């Protein structure tokens, strides 16, 4: 199981600062979060609608950004830590 670790600014939207999850690819992270974290799902929807000038970024255990192209191909290793961090733009 991979471990999703959230940036401290996102702790108010999640039930725990770290969540363990079984993933076949990184592409499943967003659906997992929307299905299990209702406050974060609302935040993600606001981002999608452009109501918030932020976005979320997924980084691997080395701090490297996982691109959208890699989402489908990358299967997290057992106990790999994936970081969810906010990305401010504007």
N, C-alpha and C. Protein backbone atom coordinates (compact mmCIF):
# COMPACT_ATOMS: atom_id res chain seq x y z
N UNK A 1 0.83 -1.18 0.00
CA UNK A 1 0.00 0.00 0.00
C UNK A 1 0.88 1.25 0.00
N UNK A 2 0.48 2.21 -0.78
CA UNK A 2 1.16 3.50 -0.80
C UNK A 2 0.61 4.36 0.33
N UNK A 3 1.36 5.38 0.69
CA UNK A 3 0.95 6.31 1.73
C UNK A 3 0.83 7.69 1.10
N UNK A 4 -0.34 8.29 1.24
CA UNK A 4 -0.56 9.65 0.78
C UNK A 4 -0.31 10.57 1.96
N UNK A 5 0.61 11.50 1.79
CA UNK A 5 0.96 12.44 2.86
C UNK A 5 0.58 13.84 2.37
N UNK A 6 -0.19 14.54 3.17
CA UNK A 6 -0.73 15.83 2.79
C UNK A 6 0.07 16.99 3.38
N UNK A 7 0.24 18.02 2.58
CA UNK A 7 0.86 19.26 3.06
C UNK A 7 0.03 19.80 4.22
N UNK A 8 0.67 20.46 5.16
CA UNK A 8 -0.02 20.92 6.36
C UNK A 8 -1.20 21.86 6.07
N UNK A 9 -1.15 22.59 4.96
CA UNK A 9 -2.26 23.48 4.63
C UNK A 9 -3.51 22.72 4.19
N UNK A 10 -3.36 21.44 3.89
CA UNK A 10 -4.50 20.61 3.47
C UNK A 10 -5.08 19.76 4.60
N UNK A 11 -4.46 19.79 5.76
CA UNK A 11 -4.91 18.94 6.87
C UNK A 11 -6.36 19.21 7.26
N UNK A 12 -6.83 20.44 7.09
CA UNK A 12 -8.21 20.76 7.47
C UNK A 12 -9.23 20.10 6.55
N UNK A 13 -8.80 19.58 5.40
CA UNK A 13 -9.69 18.95 4.44
C UNK A 13 -9.68 17.41 4.50
N UNK A 14 -8.78 16.84 5.29
CA UNK A 14 -8.63 15.38 5.30
C UNK A 14 -8.79 14.82 6.71
N UNK A 15 -9.13 13.55 6.79
CA UNK A 15 -9.36 12.90 8.09
C UNK A 15 -8.06 12.58 8.83
N UNK A 16 -6.95 12.51 8.09
CA UNK A 16 -5.65 12.20 8.68
C UNK A 16 -4.56 12.78 7.79
N UNK A 17 -3.45 13.24 8.37
CA UNK A 17 -2.37 13.80 7.54
C UNK A 17 -1.70 12.76 6.65
N UNK A 18 -1.90 11.48 6.95
CA UNK A 18 -1.37 10.39 6.13
C UNK A 18 -2.46 9.35 5.94
N UNK A 19 -2.62 8.88 4.71
CA UNK A 19 -3.60 7.84 4.42
C UNK A 19 -2.93 6.71 3.64
N UNK A 20 -3.19 5.48 4.03
CA UNK A 20 -2.69 4.32 3.29
C UNK A 20 -3.73 3.93 2.26
N UNK A 21 -3.25 3.62 1.05
CA UNK A 21 -4.18 3.29 -0.03
C UNK A 21 -3.52 2.30 -1.00
N UNK A 22 -4.32 1.35 -1.46
CA UNK A 22 -3.86 0.40 -2.48
C UNK A 22 -4.16 1.01 -3.85
N UNK A 23 -3.13 1.22 -4.65
CA UNK A 23 -3.28 1.84 -5.96
C UNK A 23 -2.67 0.97 -7.06
N UNK A 24 -3.36 0.90 -8.18
CA UNK A 24 -2.79 0.25 -9.36
C UNK A 24 -2.00 1.25 -10.19
N UNK A 25 -2.36 2.53 -10.06
CA UNK A 25 -1.63 3.60 -10.73
C UNK A 25 -1.92 4.91 -9.98
N UNK A 26 -1.11 5.90 -10.24
CA UNK A 26 -1.32 7.21 -9.61
C UNK A 26 -2.60 7.87 -10.12
N UNK A 27 -3.08 7.41 -11.24
CA UNK A 27 -4.31 7.93 -11.82
C UNK A 27 -5.51 7.73 -10.89
N UNK A 28 -5.42 6.78 -9.97
CA UNK A 28 -6.52 6.47 -9.06
C UNK A 28 -6.57 7.37 -7.83
N UNK A 29 -5.54 8.18 -7.61
CA UNK A 29 -5.46 9.00 -6.40
C UNK A 29 -6.64 9.97 -6.31
N UNK A 30 -6.92 10.68 -7.36
CA UNK A 30 -7.98 11.69 -7.33
C UNK A 30 -9.34 11.08 -7.00
N UNK A 31 -9.68 9.97 -7.64
CA UNK A 31 -10.96 9.32 -7.36
C UNK A 31 -11.02 8.80 -5.93
N UNK A 32 -9.91 8.26 -5.44
CA UNK A 32 -9.85 7.80 -4.06
C UNK A 32 -10.12 8.96 -3.10
N UNK A 33 -9.46 10.08 -3.34
CA UNK A 33 -9.63 11.23 -2.45
C UNK A 33 -11.04 11.79 -2.50
N UNK A 34 -11.60 11.89 -3.69
CA UNK A 34 -12.98 12.40 -3.82
C UNK A 34 -13.98 11.47 -3.14
N UNK A 35 -13.71 10.18 -3.19
CA UNK A 35 -14.64 9.20 -2.62
C UNK A 35 -14.53 9.01 -1.12
N UNK A 36 -13.38 9.37 -0.54
CA UNK A 36 -13.18 9.10 0.88
C UNK A 36 -13.00 10.34 1.74
N UNK A 37 -12.76 11.48 1.12
CA UNK A 37 -12.49 12.72 1.86
C UNK A 37 -13.45 13.81 1.40
N UNK A 38 -14.64 13.89 1.98
CA UNK A 38 -15.66 14.82 1.49
C UNK A 38 -15.24 16.29 1.50
N UNK A 39 -14.52 16.74 2.51
CA UNK A 39 -14.08 18.14 2.55
C UNK A 39 -13.09 18.42 1.43
N UNK A 40 -12.19 17.47 1.19
CA UNK A 40 -11.23 17.64 0.11
C UNK A 40 -11.93 17.58 -1.25
N UNK A 41 -12.96 16.76 -1.37
CA UNK A 41 -13.73 16.67 -2.61
C UNK A 41 -14.35 18.03 -2.94
N UNK A 42 -14.89 18.73 -1.93
CA UNK A 42 -15.46 20.07 -2.15
C UNK A 42 -14.37 21.04 -2.60
N UNK A 43 -13.22 20.96 -1.97
CA UNK A 43 -12.09 21.81 -2.34
C UNK A 43 -11.67 21.54 -3.79
N UNK A 44 -11.56 20.28 -4.16
CA UNK A 44 -11.18 19.90 -5.53
C UNK A 44 -12.21 20.41 -6.53
N UNK A 45 -13.49 20.32 -6.20
CA UNK A 45 -14.53 20.83 -7.09
C UNK A 45 -14.42 22.34 -7.27
N UNK A 46 -14.12 23.07 -6.22
CA UNK A 46 -13.94 24.52 -6.33
C UNK A 46 -12.75 24.86 -7.22
N UNK A 47 -11.69 24.08 -7.09
CA UNK A 47 -10.51 24.27 -7.95
C UNK A 47 -10.90 24.01 -9.41
N UNK A 48 -11.62 22.93 -9.65
CA UNK A 48 -12.05 22.57 -11.02
C UNK A 48 -12.93 23.63 -11.65
N UNK A 49 -13.74 24.29 -10.83
CA UNK A 49 -14.65 25.33 -11.33
C UNK A 49 -13.98 26.70 -11.42
N UNK A 50 -12.73 26.79 -11.01
CA UNK A 50 -12.00 28.06 -11.07
C UNK A 50 -12.34 29.03 -9.96
N UNK A 51 -13.01 28.54 -8.92
CA UNK A 51 -13.38 29.41 -7.79
C UNK A 51 -12.20 29.64 -6.85
N UNK A 52 -11.19 28.78 -6.94
CA UNK A 52 -9.98 28.89 -6.14
C UNK A 52 -8.80 28.90 -7.10
N UNK A 53 -7.88 29.83 -6.90
CA UNK A 53 -6.71 29.93 -7.78
C UNK A 53 -5.57 29.05 -7.27
N UNK A 54 -5.88 27.80 -7.06
CA UNK A 54 -4.90 26.82 -6.60
C UNK A 54 -5.12 25.53 -7.38
N UNK A 55 -4.22 24.63 -7.19
CA UNK A 55 -4.35 23.29 -7.75
C UNK A 55 -3.60 22.36 -6.82
N UNK A 56 -3.71 21.07 -7.05
CA UNK A 56 -2.98 20.10 -6.25
C UNK A 56 -1.93 19.43 -7.12
N UNK A 57 -0.80 19.12 -6.51
CA UNK A 57 0.28 18.47 -7.22
C UNK A 57 0.64 17.20 -6.47
N UNK A 58 0.94 16.16 -7.22
CA UNK A 58 1.34 14.88 -6.66
C UNK A 58 2.83 14.71 -6.88
N UNK A 59 3.56 14.44 -5.80
CA UNK A 59 5.01 14.23 -5.88
C UNK A 59 5.35 12.85 -5.35
N UNK A 60 6.41 12.28 -5.90
CA UNK A 60 6.85 10.97 -5.42
C UNK A 60 7.66 11.12 -4.14
N UNK A 61 8.18 10.02 -3.62
CA UNK A 61 8.89 10.04 -2.35
C UNK A 61 10.19 10.82 -2.41
N UNK A 62 10.68 11.10 -3.62
CA UNK A 62 11.90 11.90 -3.78
C UNK A 62 11.59 13.38 -3.99
N UNK A 63 10.29 13.74 -3.95
CA UNK A 63 9.89 15.12 -4.13
C UNK A 63 9.75 15.54 -5.58
N UNK A 64 9.83 14.58 -6.49
CA UNK A 64 9.71 14.86 -7.92
C UNK A 64 8.24 14.87 -8.32
N UNK A 65 7.85 15.90 -9.07
CA UNK A 65 6.47 16.02 -9.53
C UNK A 65 6.12 14.87 -10.46
N UNK A 66 4.97 14.27 -10.25
CA UNK A 66 4.48 13.21 -11.13
C UNK A 66 3.57 13.89 -12.15
N UNK A 67 3.96 13.84 -13.41
CA UNK A 67 3.20 14.52 -14.46
C UNK A 67 1.92 13.75 -14.80
N UNK A 68 1.00 14.44 -15.45
CA UNK A 68 -0.25 13.79 -15.85
C UNK A 68 0.00 12.59 -16.76
N UNK A 69 1.02 12.68 -17.59
CA UNK A 69 1.35 11.56 -18.48
C UNK A 69 1.81 10.34 -17.70
N UNK A 70 2.47 10.58 -16.58
CA UNK A 70 2.98 9.48 -15.75
C UNK A 70 1.90 8.85 -14.87
N UNK A 71 0.83 9.58 -14.61
CA UNK A 71 -0.22 9.08 -13.71
C UNK A 71 -0.66 7.67 -14.07
N UNK A 72 -0.93 7.45 -15.35
CA UNK A 72 -1.46 6.16 -15.79
C UNK A 72 -0.40 5.06 -15.69
N UNK A 73 0.84 5.41 -15.97
CA UNK A 73 1.91 4.42 -16.03
C UNK A 73 2.54 4.09 -14.69
N UNK A 74 2.58 5.05 -13.79
CA UNK A 74 3.30 4.85 -12.53
C UNK A 74 2.47 4.09 -11.50
N UNK A 75 2.96 2.93 -11.13
CA UNK A 75 2.35 2.17 -10.04
C UNK A 75 3.21 2.39 -8.80
N UNK A 76 2.63 2.98 -7.77
CA UNK A 76 3.41 3.22 -6.55
C UNK A 76 3.91 1.91 -5.94
N UNK A 77 5.13 1.95 -5.45
CA UNK A 77 5.71 0.79 -4.79
C UNK A 77 5.08 0.63 -3.41
N UNK A 78 5.22 -0.56 -2.84
CA UNK A 78 4.69 -0.81 -1.49
C UNK A 78 5.35 0.16 -0.51
N UNK A 79 4.56 0.79 0.30
CA UNK A 79 5.00 1.74 1.32
C UNK A 79 5.63 3.01 0.76
N UNK A 80 5.49 3.26 -0.55
CA UNK A 80 6.00 4.51 -1.11
C UNK A 80 5.15 5.67 -0.61
N UNK A 81 5.80 6.75 -0.27
CA UNK A 81 5.09 7.94 0.19
C UNK A 81 4.89 8.87 -1.00
N UNK A 82 3.63 9.23 -1.23
CA UNK A 82 3.28 10.19 -2.26
C UNK A 82 2.80 11.46 -1.56
N UNK A 83 3.34 12.59 -1.95
CA UNK A 83 3.00 13.86 -1.31
C UNK A 83 1.94 14.60 -2.13
N UNK A 84 0.91 15.08 -1.45
CA UNK A 84 -0.12 15.90 -2.06
C UNK A 84 0.12 17.33 -1.56
N UNK A 85 0.44 18.23 -2.48
CA UNK A 85 0.76 19.59 -2.06
C UNK A 85 -0.03 20.59 -2.92
N UNK A 86 -0.34 21.76 -2.34
CA UNK A 86 -1.06 22.78 -3.10
C UNK A 86 -0.09 23.49 -4.05
N UNK A 87 -0.63 23.93 -5.15
CA UNK A 87 0.12 24.69 -6.13
C UNK A 87 -0.68 25.95 -6.42
N UNK A 88 -0.13 27.10 -6.04
CA UNK A 88 -0.82 28.37 -6.22
C UNK A 88 -0.41 28.94 -7.57
N UNK A 89 -1.40 29.43 -8.31
CA UNK A 89 -1.11 30.07 -9.59
C UNK A 89 -1.99 31.30 -9.75
N UNK A 90 -1.67 32.09 -10.70
CA UNK A 90 -2.52 33.26 -10.91
C UNK A 90 -1.86 34.29 -11.77
